[in-house]
Protein backbone atom coordinates (compact mmCIF):
# COMPACT_ATOMS: atom_id res chain seq x y z
CA UNK A 1 0.00 0.00 0.00
CA UNK A 2 1.74 3.12 -1.20
CA UNK A 3 -0.96 5.57 -0.15
CA UNK A 4 0.85 7.34 2.73
CA UNK A 5 4.13 7.39 0.83
CA UNK A 6 2.70 8.78 -2.41
CA UNK A 7 0.19 11.15 -0.80
CA UNK A 8 2.77 12.33 1.72
CA UNK A 9 5.19 13.20 -1.08
CA UNK A 10 2.52 14.92 -3.16
CA UNK A 11 1.20 16.99 -0.24
CA UNK A 12 4.53 17.57 1.49
CA UNK A 13 3.05 16.14 4.71
CA UNK A 14 3.82 13.28 7.08
CA UNK A 15 1.00 10.74 6.74
CA UNK A 16 0.24 7.23 7.96
CA UNK A 17 -2.37 4.61 7.25
CA UNK A 18 -3.63 1.77 9.44
CA UNK A 19 -4.60 -1.35 7.52
CA UNK A 20 -6.85 -3.93 9.11
CA UNK A 21 -6.65 -7.09 7.05
CA UNK A 22 -6.21 -10.84 7.35
CA UNK A 23 -3.62 -13.31 6.17
CA UNK A 24 -4.48 -14.75 2.76
CA UNK A 25 -2.95 -18.06 3.83
CA UNK A 26 -4.44 -18.72 7.28
CA UNK A 27 -7.10 -16.00 7.67
CA UNK A 28 -5.56 -14.59 10.89
CA UNK A 29 -6.20 -10.87 11.50
CA UNK A 30 -3.36 -8.39 10.96
CA UNK A 31 -3.18 -4.69 11.78
CA UNK A 32 -0.43 -2.86 9.90
CA UNK A 33 0.62 0.78 10.15
CA UNK A 34 2.59 2.29 7.25
CA UNK A 35 3.86 5.88 7.16
CA UNK A 36 5.03 8.30 4.49
CA UNK A 37 8.68 7.37 5.15
CA UNK A 38 7.86 3.71 4.35
CA UNK A 39 8.26 2.70 8.00
CA UNK A 40 5.84 0.02 9.05
CA UNK A 41 4.77 -1.89 12.11
CA UNK A 42 2.45 -4.81 12.76
CA UNK A 43 0.52 -5.29 15.99
CA UNK A 44 0.33 -9.07 15.92
CA UNK A 45 3.10 -11.64 15.92
CA UNK A 46 3.20 -11.75 12.13
CA UNK A 47 5.77 -11.36 9.36
CA UNK A 48 3.95 -9.78 6.42
CA UNK A 49 5.65 -9.67 3.05
CA UNK A 50 6.37 -6.04 2.22
CA UNK A 51 8.45 -4.57 -0.56
CA UNK A 52 9.78 -1.23 -1.66
CA UNK A 53 9.52 0.00 -5.24
CA UNK A 54 12.77 -0.30 -7.18
CA UNK A 55 13.02 3.43 -7.98
CA UNK A 56 15.70 5.82 -6.75
CA UNK A 57 13.45 8.70 -5.66
CA UNK A 58 16.41 11.03 -5.20
CA UNK A 59 17.16 10.77 -8.92
CA UNK A 60 13.57 10.53 -10.17
CA UNK A 61 13.02 13.16 -12.87
CA UNK A 62 9.69 11.83 -14.11
CA UNK A 63 6.50 13.60 -13.00
CA UNK A 64 5.31 10.45 -11.18
CA UNK A 65 6.47 6.96 -10.27
CA UNK A 66 4.15 5.53 -12.94
CA UNK A 67 5.99 7.51 -15.63
CA UNK A 68 9.27 6.01 -14.35
CA UNK A 69 8.09 2.54 -15.35
PDB file of N, CA and C in Angstrom:
ATOM      1  N   UNK A   1       0.841  -1.162   0.000  1.00  0.00           N
ATOM      2  CA  UNK A   1       0.000   0.000   0.000  1.00  0.00           C
ATOM      3  C   UNK A   1       0.896   1.237   0.000  1.00  0.00           C
ATOM      4  N   UNK A   2       0.871   1.950  -1.061  1.00  0.00           N
ATOM      5  CA  UNK A   2       1.741   3.116  -1.202  1.00  0.00           C
ATOM      6  C   UNK A   2       1.048   4.420  -0.829  1.00  0.00           C
ATOM      7  N   UNK A   3      -0.181   4.350  -0.392  1.00  0.00           N
ATOM      8  CA  UNK A   3      -0.958   5.566  -0.146  1.00  0.00           C
ATOM      9  C   UNK A   3      -0.252   6.600   0.718  1.00  0.00           C
ATOM     10  N   UNK A   4       0.233   6.280   1.929  1.00  0.00           N
ATOM     11  CA  UNK A   4       0.850   7.339   2.726  1.00  0.00           C
ATOM     12  C   UNK A   4       2.135   7.858   2.103  1.00  0.00           C
ATOM     13  N   UNK A   5       2.880   6.982   1.444  1.00  0.00           N
ATOM     14  CA  UNK A   5       4.134   7.391   0.828  1.00  0.00           C
ATOM     15  C   UNK A   5       3.863   8.355  -0.325  1.00  0.00           C
ATOM     16  N   UNK A   6       2.985   7.959  -1.230  1.00  0.00           N
ATOM     17  CA  UNK A   6       2.698   8.778  -2.407  1.00  0.00           C
ATOM     18  C   UNK A   6       1.985  10.065  -2.001  1.00  0.00           C
ATOM     19  N   UNK A   7       0.925   9.957  -1.208  1.00  0.00           N
ATOM     20  CA  UNK A   7       0.187  11.147  -0.799  1.00  0.00           C
ATOM     21  C   UNK A   7       1.051  12.084   0.038  1.00  0.00           C
ATOM     22  N   UNK A   8       1.875  11.512   0.900  1.00  0.00           N
ATOM     23  CA  UNK A   8       2.767  12.332   1.719  1.00  0.00           C
ATOM     24  C   UNK A   8       3.734  13.136   0.871  1.00  0.00           C
ATOM     25  N   UNK A   9       4.272  12.508  -0.173  1.00  0.00           N
ATOM     26  CA  UNK A   9       5.191  13.205  -1.075  1.00  0.00           C
ATOM     27  C   UNK A   9       4.458  14.286  -1.874  1.00  0.00           C
ATOM     28  N   UNK A  10       3.273  13.961  -2.362  1.00  0.00           N
ATOM     29  CA  UNK A  10       2.519  14.918  -3.162  1.00  0.00           C
ATOM     30  C   UNK A  10       2.082  16.130  -2.339  1.00  0.00           C
ATOM     31  N   UNK A  11       1.694  15.903  -1.091  1.00  0.00           N
ATOM     32  CA  UNK A  11       1.197  16.988  -0.245  1.00  0.00           C
ATOM     33  C   UNK A  11       2.287  17.671   0.574  1.00  0.00           C
ATOM     34  N   UNK A  12       3.465  17.032   0.655  1.00  0.00           N
ATOM     35  CA  UNK A  12       4.533  17.570   1.492  1.00  0.00           C
ATOM     36  C   UNK A  12       4.201  17.443   2.970  1.00  0.00           C
ATOM     37  N   UNK A  13       3.480  16.372   3.334  1.00  0.00           N
ATOM     38  CA  UNK A  13       3.046  16.139   4.714  1.00  0.00           C
ATOM     39  C   UNK A  13       3.495  14.760   5.179  1.00  0.00           C
ATOM     40  N   UNK A  14       3.576  14.589   6.497  1.00  0.00           N
ATOM     41  CA  UNK A  14       3.816  13.278   7.082  1.00  0.00           C
ATOM     42  C   UNK A  14       2.459  12.613   7.263  1.00  0.00           C
ATOM     43  N   UNK A  15       2.265  11.457   6.662  1.00  0.00           N
ATOM     44  CA  UNK A  15       1.003  10.736   6.736  1.00  0.00           C
ATOM     45  C   UNK A  15       1.237   9.304   7.176  1.00  0.00           C
ATOM     46  N   UNK A  16       0.176   8.661   7.654  1.00  0.00           N
ATOM     47  CA  UNK A  16       0.244   7.228   7.957  1.00  0.00           C
ATOM     48  C   UNK A  16      -1.127   6.633   7.682  1.00  0.00           C
ATOM     49  N   UNK A  17      -1.129   5.330   7.485  1.00  0.00           N
ATOM     50  CA  UNK A  17      -2.371   4.608   7.249  1.00  0.00           C
ATOM     51  C   UNK A  17      -2.346   3.352   8.109  1.00  0.00           C
ATOM     52  N   UNK A  18      -3.502   3.004   8.675  1.00  0.00           N
ATOM     53  CA  UNK A  18      -3.631   1.771   9.437  1.00  0.00           C
ATOM     54  C   UNK A  18      -4.482   0.821   8.601  1.00  0.00           C
ATOM     55  N   UNK A  19      -3.937  -0.353   8.347  1.00  0.00           N
ATOM     56  CA  UNK A  19      -4.599  -1.348   7.515  1.00  0.00           C
ATOM     57  C   UNK A  19      -5.039  -2.502   8.401  1.00  0.00           C
ATOM     58  N   UNK A  20      -6.324  -2.774   8.393  1.00  0.00           N
ATOM     59  CA  UNK A  20      -6.853  -3.932   9.113  1.00  0.00           C
ATOM     60  C   UNK A  20      -7.206  -4.963   8.057  1.00  0.00           C
ATOM     61  N   UNK A  21      -6.502  -6.078   8.095  1.00  0.00           N
ATOM     62  CA  UNK A  21      -6.648  -7.086   7.052  1.00  0.00           C
ATOM     63  C   UNK A  21      -6.524  -8.468   7.678  1.00  0.00           C
ATOM     64  N   UNK A  22      -6.440  -9.477   6.853  1.00  0.00           N
ATOM     65  CA  UNK A  22      -6.211 -10.837   7.347  1.00  0.00           C
ATOM     66  C   UNK A  22      -5.255 -11.542   6.398  1.00  0.00           C
ATOM     67  N   UNK A  23      -4.580 -12.527   6.942  1.00  0.00           N
ATOM     68  CA  UNK A  23      -3.618 -13.307   6.172  1.00  0.00           C
ATOM     69  C   UNK A  23      -4.357 -14.100   5.090  1.00  0.00           C
ATOM     70  N   UNK A  24      -3.865 -14.006   3.861  1.00  0.00           N
ATOM     71  CA  UNK A  24      -4.479 -14.746   2.758  1.00  0.00           C
ATOM     72  C   UNK A  24      -4.285 -16.246   2.913  1.00  0.00           C
ATOM     73  N   UNK A  25      -3.254 -16.641   3.661  1.00  0.00           N
ATOM     74  CA  UNK A  25      -2.947 -18.056   3.832  1.00  0.00           C
ATOM     75  C   UNK A  25      -3.784 -18.696   4.939  1.00  0.00           C
ATOM     76  N   UNK A  26      -3.772 -18.086   6.134  1.00  0.00           N
ATOM     77  CA  UNK A  26      -4.440 -18.720   7.280  1.00  0.00           C
ATOM     78  C   UNK A  26      -5.686 -17.983   7.773  1.00  0.00           C
ATOM     79  N   UNK A  27      -5.926 -16.756   7.275  1.00  0.00           N
ATOM     80  CA  UNK A  27      -7.105 -16.004   7.673  1.00  0.00           C
ATOM     81  C   UNK A  27      -6.957 -15.235   8.981  1.00  0.00           C
ATOM     82  N   UNK A  28      -5.782 -15.299   9.619  1.00  0.00           N
ATOM     83  CA  UNK A  28      -5.563 -14.594  10.885  1.00  0.00           C
ATOM     84  C   UNK A  28      -5.548 -13.080  10.675  1.00  0.00           C
ATOM     85  N   UNK A  29      -6.162 -12.328  11.599  1.00  0.00           N
ATOM     86  CA  UNK A  29      -6.200 -10.870  11.499  1.00  0.00           C
ATOM     87  C   UNK A  29      -4.808 -10.267  11.605  1.00  0.00           C
ATOM     88  N   UNK A  30      -4.600  -9.173  10.862  1.00  0.00           N
ATOM     89  CA  UNK A  30      -3.364  -8.395  10.956  1.00  0.00           C
ATOM     90  C   UNK A  30      -3.730  -6.922  10.945  1.00  0.00           C
ATOM     91  N   UNK A  31      -2.997  -6.133  11.735  1.00  0.00           N
ATOM     92  CA  UNK A  31      -3.179  -4.689  11.781  1.00  0.00           C
ATOM     93  C   UNK A  31      -1.817  -4.057  11.508  1.00  0.00           C
ATOM     94  N   UNK A  32      -1.686  -3.463  10.333  1.00  0.00           N
ATOM     95  CA  UNK A  32      -0.426  -2.855   9.903  1.00  0.00           C
ATOM     96  C   UNK A  32      -0.543  -1.333   9.929  1.00  0.00           C
ATOM     97  N   UNK A  33       0.542  -0.668  10.274  1.00  0.00           N
ATOM     98  CA  UNK A  33       0.621   0.780  10.150  1.00  0.00           C
ATOM     99  C   UNK A  33       1.800   1.088   9.239  1.00  0.00           C
ATOM    100  N   UNK A  34       1.558   1.913   8.220  1.00  0.00           N
ATOM    101  CA  UNK A  34       2.589   2.285   7.248  1.00  0.00           C
ATOM    102  C   UNK A  34       2.599   3.809   7.166  1.00  0.00           C
ATOM    103  N   UNK A  35       3.803   4.420   7.202  1.00  0.00           N
ATOM    104  CA  UNK A  35       3.857   5.882   7.155  1.00  0.00           C
ATOM    105  C   UNK A  35       4.495   6.389   5.867  1.00  0.00           C
ATOM    106  N   UNK A  36       4.542   7.693   5.725  1.00  0.00           N
ATOM    107  CA  UNK A  36       5.026   8.302   4.489  1.00  0.00           C
ATOM    108  C   UNK A  36       6.537   8.165   4.294  1.00  0.00           C
ATOM    109  N   UNK A  37       7.254   7.670   5.297  1.00  0.00           N
ATOM    110  CA  UNK A  37       8.677   7.372   5.153  1.00  0.00           C
ATOM    111  C   UNK A  37       8.920   5.890   4.916  1.00  0.00           C
ATOM    112  N   UNK A  38       7.850   5.162   4.596  1.00  0.00           N
ATOM    113  CA  UNK A  38       7.864   3.710   4.353  1.00  0.00           C
ATOM    114  C   UNK A  38       8.271   2.907   5.588  1.00  0.00           C
ATOM    115  N   UNK A  39       8.085   3.489   6.775  1.00  0.00           N
ATOM    116  CA  UNK A  39       8.262   2.701   7.998  1.00  0.00           C
ATOM    117  C   UNK A  39       6.952   1.977   8.247  1.00  0.00           C
ATOM    118  N   UNK A  40       7.053   0.781   8.791  1.00  0.00           N
ATOM    119  CA  UNK A  40       5.844   0.017   9.049  1.00  0.00           C
ATOM    120  C   UNK A  40       5.959  -0.713  10.368  1.00  0.00           C
ATOM    121  N   UNK A  41       4.813  -1.066  10.912  1.00  0.00           N
ATOM    122  CA  UNK A  41       4.767  -1.893  12.114  1.00  0.00           C
ATOM    123  C   UNK A  41       3.532  -2.779  12.018  1.00  0.00           C
ATOM    124  N   UNK A  42       3.576  -3.880  12.723  1.00  0.00           N
ATOM    125  CA  UNK A  42       2.451  -4.812  12.755  1.00  0.00           C
ATOM    126  C   UNK A  42       2.161  -5.131  14.213  1.00  0.00           C
ATOM    127  N   UNK A  43       0.891  -5.099  14.593  1.00  0.00           N
ATOM    128  CA  UNK A  43       0.522  -5.292  15.991  1.00  0.00           C
ATOM    129  C   UNK A  43       0.610  -6.746  16.438  1.00  0.00           C
ATOM    130  N   UNK A  44       0.319  -7.653  15.557  1.00  0.00           N
ATOM    131  CA  UNK A  44       0.328  -9.066  15.919  1.00  0.00           C
ATOM    132  C   UNK A  44       1.713  -9.681  15.704  1.00  0.00           C
ATOM    133  N   UNK A  45       1.862 -10.898  16.160  1.00  0.00           N
ATOM    134  CA  UNK A  45       3.100 -11.645  15.920  1.00  0.00           C
ATOM    135  C   UNK A  45       3.016 -12.215  14.506  1.00  0.00           C
ATOM    136  N   UNK A  46       3.309 -11.364  13.533  1.00  0.00           N
ATOM    137  CA  UNK A  46       3.202 -11.748  12.130  1.00  0.00           C
ATOM    138  C   UNK A  46       4.411 -11.215  11.376  1.00  0.00           C
ATOM    139  N   UNK A  47       4.670 -11.804  10.238  1.00  0.00           N
ATOM    140  CA  UNK A  47       5.766 -11.362   9.364  1.00  0.00           C
ATOM    141  C   UNK A  47       5.217 -11.132   7.963  1.00  0.00           C
ATOM    142  N   UNK A  48       4.521 -10.016   7.754  1.00  0.00           N
ATOM    143  CA  UNK A  48       3.948  -9.777   6.425  1.00  0.00           C
ATOM    144  C   UNK A  48       5.037  -9.556   5.385  1.00  0.00           C
ATOM    145  N   UNK A  49       4.715  -9.885   4.148  1.00  0.00           N
ATOM    146  CA  UNK A  49       5.653  -9.669   3.049  1.00  0.00           C
ATOM    147  C   UNK A  49       5.438  -8.258   2.523  1.00  0.00           C
ATOM    148  N   UNK A  50       6.432  -7.417   2.691  1.00  0.00           N
ATOM    149  CA  UNK A  50       6.373  -6.042   2.220  1.00  0.00           C
ATOM    150  C   UNK A  50       7.534  -5.796   1.283  1.00  0.00           C
ATOM    151  N   UNK A  51       7.353  -4.897   0.349  1.00  0.00           N
ATOM    152  CA  UNK A  51       8.449  -4.572  -0.562  1.00  0.00           C
ATOM    153  C   UNK A  51       8.451  -3.078  -0.836  1.00  0.00           C
ATOM    154  N   UNK A  52       9.576  -2.622  -1.285  1.00  0.00           N
ATOM    155  CA  UNK A  52       9.779  -1.233  -1.664  1.00  0.00           C
ATOM    156  C   UNK A  52       9.916  -1.142  -3.171  1.00  0.00           C
ATOM    157  N   UNK A  53       9.342  -0.132  -3.794  1.00  0.00           N
ATOM    158  CA  UNK A  53       9.515  -0.001  -5.238  1.00  0.00           C
ATOM    159  C   UNK A  53      10.991   0.181  -5.604  1.00  0.00           C
ATOM    160  N   UNK A  54      11.374  -0.368  -6.735  1.00  0.00           N
ATOM    161  CA  UNK A  54      12.767  -0.296  -7.175  1.00  0.00           C
ATOM    162  C   UNK A  54      12.991   0.968  -7.995  1.00  0.00           C
ATOM    163  N   UNK A  55      12.822   2.130  -7.348  1.00  0.00           N
ATOM    164  CA  UNK A  55      13.018   3.431  -7.984  1.00  0.00           C
ATOM    165  C   UNK A  55      13.850   4.278  -7.035  1.00  0.00           C
ATOM    166  N   UNK A  56      14.884   4.910  -7.562  1.00  0.00           N
ATOM    167  CA  UNK A  56      15.699   5.818  -6.750  1.00  0.00           C
ATOM    168  C   UNK A  56      15.013   7.185  -6.767  1.00  0.00           C
ATOM    169  N   UNK A  57      14.259   7.477  -5.703  1.00  0.00           N
ATOM    170  CA  UNK A  57      13.454   8.696  -5.665  1.00  0.00           C
ATOM    171  C   UNK A  57      14.301   9.966  -5.626  1.00  0.00           C
ATOM    172  N   UNK A  58      15.532   9.857  -5.196  1.00  0.00           N
ATOM    173  CA  UNK A  58      16.408  11.034  -5.197  1.00  0.00           C
ATOM    174  C   UNK A  58      16.783  11.450  -6.613  1.00  0.00           C
ATOM    175  N   UNK A  59      16.780  10.482  -7.531  1.00  0.00           N
ATOM    176  CA  UNK A  59      17.159  10.766  -8.920  1.00  0.00           C
ATOM    177  C   UNK A  59      15.959  10.793  -9.869  1.00  0.00           C
ATOM    178  N   UNK A  60      14.768  10.589  -9.342  1.00  0.00           N
ATOM    179  CA  UNK A  60      13.569  10.530 -10.174  1.00  0.00           C
ATOM    180  C   UNK A  60      13.284  11.894 -10.808  1.00  0.00           C
ATOM    181  N   UNK A  61      13.297  11.937 -12.136  1.00  0.00           N
ATOM    182  CA  UNK A  61      13.017  13.161 -12.866  1.00  0.00           C
ATOM    183  C   UNK A  61      11.634  13.134 -13.507  1.00  0.00           C
ATOM    184  N   UNK A  62      11.018  11.962 -13.528  1.00  0.00           N
ATOM    185  CA  UNK A  62       9.686  11.827 -14.109  1.00  0.00           C
ATOM    186  C   UNK A  62       8.645  12.502 -13.221  1.00  0.00           C
ATOM    187  N   UNK A  63       7.515  12.932 -13.793  1.00  0.00           N
ATOM    188  CA  UNK A  63       6.496  13.600 -12.997  1.00  0.00           C
ATOM    189  C   UNK A  63       5.840  12.691 -11.946  1.00  0.00           C
ATOM    190  N   UNK A  64       5.880  11.387 -12.158  1.00  0.00           N
ATOM    191  CA  UNK A  64       5.313  10.451 -11.178  1.00  0.00           C
ATOM    192  C   UNK A  64       6.027   9.116 -11.280  1.00  0.00           C
ATOM    193  N   UNK A  65       5.827   8.279 -10.277  1.00  0.00           N
ATOM    194  CA  UNK A  65       6.469   6.962 -10.273  1.00  0.00           C
ATOM    195  C   UNK A  65       5.961   6.116 -11.440  1.00  0.00           C
ATOM    196  N   UNK A  66       4.712   6.297 -11.834  1.00  0.00           N
ATOM    197  CA  UNK A  66       4.148   5.531 -12.940  1.00  0.00           C
ATOM    198  C   UNK A  66       4.885   5.870 -14.234  1.00  0.00           C
ATOM    199  N   UNK A  67       5.232   7.125 -14.430  1.00  0.00           N
ATOM    200  CA  UNK A  67       5.986   7.506 -15.632  1.00  0.00           C
ATOM    201  C   UNK A  67       7.391   6.901 -15.625  1.00  0.00           C
ATOM    202  N   UNK A  68       7.928   6.587 -14.447  1.00  0.00           N
ATOM    203  CA  UNK A  68       9.271   6.008 -14.348  1.00  0.00           C
ATOM    204  C   UNK A  68       9.291   4.573 -14.869  1.00  0.00           C
ATOM    205  N   UNK A  69       8.148   3.907 -14.863  1.00  0.00           N
ATOM    206  CA  UNK A  69       8.094   2.539 -15.346  1.00  0.00           C
ATOM    207  C   UNK A  69       7.769   2.531 -16.817  1.00  0.00           C
TER     208      UNK A  69
END
